[in-house]
Protein backbone atom coordinates (compact mmCIF):
# COMPACT_ATOMS: atom_id res chain seq x y z
CA UNK A 1 94.46 -123.94 211.85
CA UNK A 2 93.55 -121.99 214.74
CA UNK A 3 90.03 -121.93 216.46
CA UNK A 4 88.31 -118.85 215.88
CA UNK A 5 88.02 -116.17 218.30
CA UNK A 6 84.39 -116.30 219.90
CA UNK A 7 82.86 -112.85 220.60
CA UNK A 8 79.71 -112.43 221.94
CA UNK A 9 77.12 -109.41 220.67
CA UNK A 10 73.53 -108.64 221.57
CA UNK A 11 71.33 -109.90 219.31
CA UNK A 12 69.04 -106.83 219.12
CA UNK A 13 71.30 -103.52 218.72
CA UNK A 14 70.82 -101.95 215.78
CA UNK A 15 72.43 -100.42 214.07
CA UNK A 16 75.81 -101.87 215.96
CA UNK A 17 74.49 -105.54 216.40
CA UNK A 18 71.83 -107.50 215.17
CA UNK A 19 71.08 -110.93 214.39
CA UNK A 20 69.42 -111.82 210.89
CA UNK A 21 68.71 -114.86 209.00
CA UNK A 22 70.89 -116.65 211.62
CA UNK A 23 73.86 -114.50 211.05
CA UNK A 24 75.38 -111.64 213.41
CA UNK A 25 75.32 -108.05 211.45
CA UNK A 26 75.67 -104.69 212.10
CA UNK A 27 78.40 -101.65 212.28
CA UNK A 28 80.09 -102.76 215.20
CA UNK A 29 80.29 -106.54 213.75
CA UNK A 30 81.58 -105.43 210.14
CA UNK A 31 84.20 -103.05 212.06
CA UNK A 32 85.60 -106.15 214.00
CA UNK A 33 85.28 -108.70 211.24
CA UNK A 34 87.58 -106.19 208.94
CA UNK A 35 90.05 -105.31 212.03
CA UNK A 36 90.45 -108.92 212.89
CA UNK A 37 90.68 -110.30 208.85
CA UNK A 38 93.34 -107.52 208.39
CA UNK A 39 95.16 -109.14 211.65
CA UNK A 40 94.78 -112.40 210.29
CA UNK A 41 92.37 -113.36 213.13
CA UNK A 42 89.44 -115.89 212.35
CA UNK A 43 86.43 -114.65 214.54
CA UNK A 44 82.95 -116.07 215.05
CA UNK A 45 79.97 -113.99 216.44
CA UNK A 46 77.89 -115.57 219.13
CA UNK A 47 74.56 -113.34 219.13
CA UNK A 48 72.46 -113.53 222.27
CA UNK A 49 69.65 -111.58 223.98
CA UNK A 50 71.39 -108.54 225.96
CA UNK A 51 70.74 -110.37 229.38
CA UNK A 52 73.03 -113.21 228.39
CA UNK A 53 75.87 -111.26 226.90
CA UNK A 54 77.86 -111.44 229.90
CA UNK A 55 77.11 -115.07 230.71
CA UNK A 56 78.66 -116.14 227.86
CA UNK A 57 82.18 -115.10 228.93
CA UNK A 58 81.45 -117.42 232.22
CA UNK A 59 80.00 -120.58 230.44
CA UNK A 60 82.58 -120.82 227.92
CA UNK A 61 80.66 -119.78 224.89
CA UNK A 62 82.78 -117.02 224.08
CA UNK A 63 86.14 -115.48 224.47
CA UNK A 64 85.38 -111.78 224.18
CA UNK A 65 82.28 -109.24 224.24
CA UNK A 66 81.89 -106.78 221.49
CA UNK A 67 80.67 -103.77 221.98
CA UNK A 68 81.72 -103.31 225.47
CA UNK A 69 79.08 -103.25 227.74
CA UNK A 70 79.91 -102.05 231.61
CA UNK A 71 77.82 -104.08 234.21
CA UNK A 72 74.84 -102.23 235.93
CA UNK A 73 76.72 -101.45 239.02
CA UNK A 74 79.46 -99.61 237.29
CA UNK A 75 77.06 -97.84 235.15
CA UNK A 76 75.32 -96.55 238.28
CA UNK A 77 78.44 -95.68 240.14
CA UNK A 78 79.98 -93.53 237.28
CA UNK A 79 76.97 -92.10 235.28
CA UNK A 80 76.48 -88.46 235.48
CA UNK A 81 72.78 -88.83 234.02
CA UNK A 82 70.11 -87.04 235.87
CA UNK A 83 67.81 -89.60 234.49
CA UNK A 84 67.66 -92.75 236.70
CA UNK A 85 67.08 -96.08 235.12
């Protein structure tokens, strides 16, 4: 049996992702679980604080990120918002 695909997500990003009772939940989590199940792919969510999401790819805790988050330099470069962050 294949190992599950580990997908990292923010632990507090409701209603899309959040950690409840030690389990990742939310709209985005349920969509990915359903799509993966339909494709026969076992997934495991690794919910972490937002600032650790990208790091989980580098340190091997996860193979994917969902929902996708651009890095801050990309956001700044392509943002059309008049509101500075």
